Amino acid sequence: MEQKNAIALTIGNFDGVHLGHCYLINELKKISNHNPIVVLTFDPHPVAYFSADNPKPLLNTLSDKIELLRKSGVDAVIVQKFTKEFSLLSADEFCNWLKQNFNISAVMLGHDFCYGKQRKGNFEHMKAFAEKEHWDIRQTPAFKLYEDQVVSSSFVRQVIAQGQAEEVEKLLSRPYFLPGVVVKGDQRGRLMGFPTANLELDDALVIPKYGVYACYVEIDSDGVLLPAVMNCGVRPTIASGLKLQIEAHILDFSDDIYSRKVKFHLKKFIRGEMKFTGIEQLKEQIAKDVQEARSFFMDNRNDKVNQF
């Protein structure tokens, strides 16, 4: 069998590619001995696989996760299909699977990483296997941005659900973004003088707290950030029982971007969703929201969206 090139490996779901994940990757670089840095991740997310009827919302699509990992300095991302057969591998079988598929020189595991059927594999288990195979294996401690709070994907989801856009940006070292395609809406925004780009969002993603946000709109991942006001909610002033709609009014912009791929980068929560007495009152509030967003962008005009 042809010898595979040696790699430095880390394993996990890496949902969100947050500061804890970046810390793990940077620690792996220190023991890589200049071998390629490789992330092994899974699709679908194992939690989604085991709870298909009630899946946990994710922070990224798979393609965005791969892109963010590459931007964090990873040389390759390997996506293992998480199937029933794969889920039944015991901890010992999983380690043997790693040995058979990769020429591993070093492994860095996160503080809470478990593997194998019923999650029986842990750092101590893999360490015993690694010592026989002469892998340099280490484990990172929990990464804490604050004294008593571990940075985790579940904590990031919680903060997004609370509408804390600026706090989320600290945890991710970039704004949380909603990717999708611009689709035609009901044109109500245009009729009120505030045309919007309506986002067709992947329904597996975390939805932020309903309300109004200052955000940047990026079209076709071109790196150009257009200041905008985003509304996320069910528009109770228009009618009851409407489905969730996420739309952004891009400031001082009139191009047709239907069917274009966009990302809404959330920067600041302006207000929660409200029900108004009528369309005129709604228009007045939107005008105030736009003015507040303009003030925010003026105060932060030197700000750049950090995407690693």
Protein backbone atom coordinates (compact mmCIF):
# COMPACT_ATOMS: atom_id res chain seq x y z
CA MET A 1 0.00 0.00 0.00
CA GLU A 2 1.34 3.42 -0.97
CA GLN A 3 2.41 5.50 2.02
CA LYS A 4 0.10 8.48 2.56
CA ASN A 5 1.56 11.86 3.40
CA ALA A 6 1.72 12.54 7.13
CA ILE A 7 -0.89 14.92 8.55
CA ALA A 8 -1.73 16.72 11.77
CA LEU A 9 -5.39 15.98 12.52
CA THR A 10 -8.22 17.31 14.60
CA ILE A 11 -11.74 15.92 14.68
CA GLY A 12 -15.14 17.40 15.44
CA ASN A 13 -18.25 19.12 14.16
CA PHE A 14 -16.83 22.66 14.21
CA ASP A 15 -20.28 24.23 13.91
CA GLY A 16 -19.83 27.99 13.78
CA VAL A 17 -16.01 27.86 13.63
CA HIS A 18 -15.92 29.96 16.80
CA LEU A 19 -12.98 31.14 18.94
CA GLY A 20 -12.76 27.78 20.72
CA HIS A 21 -12.36 26.00 17.39
CA CYS A 22 -9.73 28.50 16.22
CA TYR A 23 -7.81 28.01 19.47
CA LEU A 24 -7.86 24.24 18.89
CA ILE A 25 -6.57 24.64 15.33
CA ASN A 26 -3.80 27.01 16.44
CA GLU A 27 -2.71 24.54 19.15
CA LEU A 28 -2.57 21.78 16.52
CA LYS A 29 -0.30 23.94 14.36
CA LYS A 30 2.21 24.05 17.22
CA ILE A 31 2.68 20.26 17.16
CA SER A 32 2.19 19.71 13.43
CA ASN A 33 5.92 19.58 12.63
CA HIS A 34 5.03 21.44 9.41
CA ASN A 35 2.73 18.65 8.25
CA PRO A 36 -0.61 19.68 6.70
CA ILE A 37 -3.34 20.70 9.15
CA VAL A 38 -6.43 18.58 8.48
CA VAL A 39 -9.91 18.79 9.99
CA LEU A 40 -12.12 15.72 9.96
CA THR A 41 -15.78 16.67 10.29
CA PHE A 42 -19.12 14.98 9.71
CA ASP A 43 -22.23 15.47 7.60
CA PRO A 44 -24.92 15.44 8.71
CA HIS A 45 -24.07 16.68 12.20
CA PRO A 46 -24.33 13.54 14.42
CA VAL A 47 -26.87 15.27 16.68
CA ALA A 48 -29.01 16.00 13.59
CA TYR A 49 -28.62 12.38 12.49
CA PHE A 50 -29.81 10.98 15.82
CA SER A 51 -32.66 13.46 16.17
CA ALA A 52 -33.79 13.81 12.56
CA ASP A 53 -37.37 14.63 13.60
CA ASN A 54 -36.23 17.53 15.79
CA PRO A 55 -32.81 18.61 14.52
CA LYS A 56 -30.69 21.14 16.34
CA PRO A 57 -30.33 24.31 14.23
CA LEU A 58 -26.82 24.88 12.91
CA LEU A 59 -24.63 27.97 12.78
CA ASN A 60 -23.30 27.31 9.26
CA THR A 61 -24.12 25.44 6.11
CA LEU A 62 -21.54 22.77 5.29
CA SER A 63 -20.03 24.85 2.47
CA ASP A 64 -19.68 27.91 4.71
CA LYS A 65 -18.13 25.81 7.48
CA ILE A 66 -15.52 24.47 5.07
CA GLU A 67 -14.76 27.99 3.82
CA LEU A 68 -14.39 29.34 7.37
CA LEU A 69 -12.12 26.45 8.36
CA ARG A 70 -9.91 27.08 5.34
CA LYS A 71 -9.72 30.77 6.24
CA SER A 72 -8.66 29.83 9.77
CA GLY A 73 -5.50 28.23 8.38
CA VAL A 74 -6.58 24.63 7.80
CA ASP A 75 -4.95 22.96 4.80
CA ALA A 76 -7.72 20.44 4.15
CA VAL A 77 -11.21 19.62 5.41
CA ILE A 78 -12.37 16.02 5.12
CA VAL A 79 -16.12 15.51 5.35
CA GLN A 80 -17.11 12.03 6.49
CA LYS A 81 -20.67 11.03 5.67
CA PHE A 82 -22.34 10.19 8.98
CA THR A 83 -24.33 7.07 8.19
CA LYS A 84 -25.94 4.37 10.29
CA GLU A 85 -22.98 2.09 9.58
CA PHE A 86 -20.49 4.77 10.64
CA SER A 87 -22.50 5.59 13.78
CA LEU A 88 -22.21 1.97 14.92
CA LEU A 89 -18.39 1.94 14.97
CA SER A 90 -17.13 1.25 18.48
CA ALA A 91 -14.45 3.51 19.95
CA ASP A 92 -11.80 0.90 19.09
CA GLU A 93 -13.14 0.54 15.54
CA PHE A 94 -13.13 4.30 15.07
CA CYS A 95 -9.46 4.50 16.05
CA ASN A 96 -8.64 1.69 13.65
CA TRP A 97 -10.63 3.48 10.95
CA LEU A 98 -8.44 6.57 11.51
CA LYS A 99 -5.29 4.44 11.28
CA GLN A 100 -6.41 2.78 8.04
CA ASN A 101 -7.41 6.02 6.33
CA PHE A 102 -4.78 8.53 7.43
CA ASN A 103 -1.04 8.69 8.07
CA ILE A 104 -1.30 10.62 11.32
CA SER A 105 1.67 12.30 12.94
CA ALA A 106 -0.22 14.40 15.49
CA VAL A 107 -3.75 14.67 16.87
CA MET A 108 -5.30 17.50 18.85
CA LEU A 109 -8.67 16.82 20.50
CA GLY A 110 -11.02 19.31 22.08
CA HIS A 111 -11.68 19.18 25.81
CA ASP A 112 -15.07 17.47 25.43
CA PHE A 113 -14.61 15.40 22.27
CA CYS A 114 -16.11 11.90 22.42
CA TYR A 115 -16.46 9.34 19.66
CA GLY A 116 -17.64 5.85 18.80
CA LYS A 117 -20.90 4.11 19.53
CA GLN A 118 -22.63 5.59 22.58
CA ARG A 119 -19.78 8.16 22.72
CA LYS A 120 -17.64 5.75 24.73
CA GLY A 121 -14.37 6.96 23.21
CA ASN A 122 -12.56 9.90 24.82
CA PHE A 123 -9.10 11.42 25.03
CA GLU A 124 -7.73 8.76 27.38
CA HIS A 125 -8.98 6.00 25.11
CA MET A 126 -7.43 7.52 21.98
CA LYS A 127 -4.22 8.36 23.86
CA ALA A 128 -3.70 4.67 24.65
CA PHE A 129 -4.22 3.81 20.96
CA ALA A 130 -2.05 6.74 19.77
CA GLU A 131 0.92 5.75 21.91
CA LYS A 132 1.07 2.36 20.18
CA GLU A 133 0.90 4.09 16.78
CA HIS A 134 3.43 6.79 17.73
CA TRP A 135 0.97 9.64 17.19
CA ASP A 136 1.72 12.82 19.11
CA ILE A 137 -1.65 13.33 20.80
CA ARG A 138 -2.73 16.30 22.92
CA GLN A 139 -5.94 17.77 24.28
CA THR A 140 -6.87 21.42 24.62
CA PRO A 141 -8.51 22.79 27.76
CA ALA A 142 -11.90 24.47 27.44
CA PHE A 143 -11.54 27.88 25.81
CA LYS A 144 -13.10 30.70 27.81
CA LEU A 145 -13.59 34.22 26.54
CA TYR A 146 -14.92 35.12 29.98
CA GLU A 147 -13.92 33.73 33.35
CA ASP A 148 -16.80 31.31 33.80
CA GLN A 149 -18.17 30.74 30.28
CA VAL A 150 -16.83 28.12 27.89
CA VAL A 151 -17.10 29.18 24.25
CA SER A 152 -19.16 26.45 22.59
CA SER A 153 -21.48 26.12 19.61
CA SER A 154 -24.46 25.70 21.94
CA PHE A 155 -23.56 28.91 23.81
CA VAL A 156 -23.24 30.80 20.51
CA ARG A 157 -26.69 29.55 19.46
CA GLN A 158 -28.10 30.78 22.77
CA VAL A 159 -26.60 34.26 22.36
CA ILE A 160 -27.92 34.53 18.78
CA ALA A 161 -31.40 33.56 19.98
CA GLN A 162 -31.18 36.42 22.48
CA GLY A 163 -30.42 38.92 19.72
CA GLN A 164 -26.98 39.83 21.07
CA ALA A 165 -25.34 40.46 17.70
CA GLU A 166 -22.34 42.32 19.09
CA GLU A 167 -21.70 39.61 21.69
CA VAL A 168 -21.90 36.92 19.00
CA GLU A 169 -19.31 38.80 16.96
CA LYS A 170 -16.88 38.52 19.88
CA LEU A 171 -17.47 34.77 20.16
CA LEU A 172 -16.97 34.17 16.44
CA SER A 173 -14.41 36.94 15.79
CA ARG A 174 -16.76 37.91 12.95
CA PRO A 175 -20.47 38.73 12.68
CA TYR A 176 -22.96 35.90 12.51
CA PHE A 177 -24.21 35.73 8.94
CA LEU A 178 -27.32 34.37 7.29
CA PRO A 179 -26.65 33.06 3.76
CA GLY A 180 -29.26 32.49 1.09
CA VAL A 181 -30.73 33.53 -2.23
CA VAL A 182 -32.76 36.69 -2.85
CA VAL A 183 -36.33 35.83 -3.82
CA LYS A 184 -39.41 37.90 -4.63
CA GLY A 185 -41.50 38.91 -1.66
CA ASP A 186 -44.89 40.57 -1.48
CA GLN A 187 -43.41 43.98 -2.48
CA ARG A 188 -44.89 45.67 0.62
CA GLY A 189 -41.54 47.21 1.52
CA ARG A 190 -41.25 48.78 -1.91
CA LEU A 191 -44.76 50.21 -1.65
CA MET A 192 -43.82 51.81 1.67
CA GLY A 193 -40.67 53.34 0.20
CA PHE A 194 -38.27 50.79 1.69
CA PRO A 195 -37.62 48.06 -0.89
CA THR A 196 -36.12 44.92 0.61
CA ALA A 197 -34.10 41.90 -0.46
CA ASN A 198 -35.98 38.84 0.79
CA LEU A 199 -33.77 35.97 1.88
CA GLU A 200 -34.56 32.35 1.11
CA LEU A 201 -32.68 30.83 4.02
CA ASP A 202 -31.54 27.27 4.62
CA ASP A 203 -34.10 26.11 7.19
CA ALA A 204 -31.45 24.20 9.14
CA LEU A 205 -29.79 27.38 10.41
CA VAL A 206 -30.14 29.23 13.71
CA ILE A 207 -32.68 32.05 13.45
CA PRO A 208 -31.80 35.18 15.41
CA LYS A 209 -34.23 36.83 17.82
CA TYR A 210 -37.13 38.36 15.91
CA GLY A 211 -36.64 42.05 15.36
CA VAL A 212 -34.68 44.69 13.47
CA TYR A 213 -30.91 44.69 13.01
CA ALA A 214 -28.24 46.84 11.45
CA CYS A 215 -26.41 44.49 9.10
CA TYR A 216 -24.12 44.33 6.12
CA VAL A 217 -25.33 42.67 2.93
CA GLU A 218 -22.69 40.91 0.86
CA ILE A 219 -23.63 39.84 -2.67
CA ASP A 220 -22.08 36.78 -4.33
CA SER A 221 -19.34 36.66 -1.64
CA ASP A 222 -17.60 39.56 -3.39
CA GLY A 223 -16.31 41.09 -0.15
CA VAL A 224 -18.23 44.34 -0.67
CA LEU A 225 -20.25 45.14 2.45
CA LEU A 226 -23.41 47.17 1.89
CA PRO A 227 -24.96 48.80 4.99
CA ALA A 228 -28.56 47.69 5.50
CA VAL A 229 -31.45 47.33 7.92
CA MET A 230 -32.66 43.76 8.37
CA ASN A 231 -36.02 42.60 9.67
CA CYS A 232 -36.48 39.07 10.95
CA GLY A 233 -39.94 37.99 11.98
CA VAL A 234 -43.53 37.21 11.07
CA ARG A 235 -44.70 40.83 10.39
CA PRO A 236 -47.63 40.94 12.84
CA THR A 237 -48.74 44.39 11.60
CA ILE A 238 -49.41 43.02 8.10
CA ALA A 239 -51.43 39.98 9.15
CA SER A 240 -51.53 37.19 11.70
CA GLY A 241 -50.16 33.75 10.99
CA LEU A 242 -47.58 34.79 8.39
CA LYS A 243 -44.49 32.64 8.04
CA LEU A 244 -41.03 33.83 9.05
CA GLN A 245 -39.49 36.32 6.66
CA ILE A 246 -35.95 37.70 6.71
CA GLU A 247 -35.45 40.79 4.56
CA ALA A 248 -33.00 43.65 4.32
CA HIS A 249 -33.37 47.20 3.06
CA ILE A 250 -29.95 48.11 1.64
CA LEU A 251 -29.22 51.78 2.25
CA ASP A 252 -28.82 53.98 -0.85
CA PHE A 253 -29.01 51.01 -3.20
CA SER A 254 -31.37 50.24 -6.08
CA ASP A 255 -29.83 47.40 -8.11
CA ASP A 256 -31.88 44.32 -9.01
CA ILE A 257 -30.37 41.40 -7.08
CA TYR A 258 -33.12 38.78 -7.48
CA SER A 259 -31.71 35.23 -7.58
CA ARG A 260 -28.31 36.42 -6.36
CA LYS A 261 -26.57 34.70 -3.45
CA VAL A 262 -26.21 36.96 -0.44
CA LYS A 263 -25.06 36.96 3.16
CA PHE A 264 -26.61 39.16 5.84
CA HIS A 265 -23.89 39.91 8.41
CA LEU A 266 -25.61 40.91 11.68
CA LYS A 267 -23.98 43.86 13.41
CA LYS A 268 -26.40 45.38 15.93
CA PHE A 269 -29.84 44.58 17.35
CA ILE A 270 -31.98 47.71 17.04
CA ARG A 271 -35.34 46.60 18.46
CA GLY A 272 -37.60 43.61 18.94
CA GLU A 273 -40.52 42.75 16.69
CA MET A 274 -43.55 44.98 17.32
CA LYS A 275 -47.17 45.07 16.20
CA PHE A 276 -48.31 48.52 15.07
CA THR A 277 -51.81 49.94 14.75
CA GLY A 278 -51.46 50.37 11.01
CA ILE A 279 -49.18 50.75 7.99
CA GLU A 280 -48.52 54.47 8.59
CA GLN A 281 -47.23 53.84 12.09
CA LEU A 282 -45.10 50.99 10.71
CA LYS A 283 -43.63 53.30 8.04
CA GLU A 284 -42.73 55.86 10.69
CA GLN A 285 -40.97 53.22 12.75
CA ILE A 286 -39.07 51.86 9.74
CA ALA A 287 -37.84 55.40 9.02
CA LYS A 288 -36.57 55.59 12.62
CA ASP A 289 -34.92 52.18 12.27
CA VAL A 290 -33.17 53.30 9.09
CA GLN A 291 -31.94 56.46 10.81
CA GLU A 292 -30.64 54.46 13.78
CA ALA A 293 -28.82 52.09 11.43
CA ARG A 294 -27.30 55.03 9.53
CA SER A 295 -26.05 56.47 12.83
CA PHE A 296 -24.56 53.10 13.77
CA PHE A 297 -22.71 52.77 10.47
CA MET A 298 -21.52 56.38 10.67
CA ASP A 299 -20.15 55.79 14.17
CA ASN A 300 -18.47 52.58 12.97
CA ARG A 301 -17.44 53.67 9.48
CA ASN A 302 -13.93 52.25 9.87
CA ASP A 303 -15.28 48.87 10.91
CA LYS A 304 -14.51 45.89 8.71
CA VAL A 305 -16.17 42.49 8.85
CA ASN A 306 -13.47 40.13 10.01
CA GLN A 307 -13.67 36.86 8.13
CA PHE A 308 -10.27 35.66 9.27
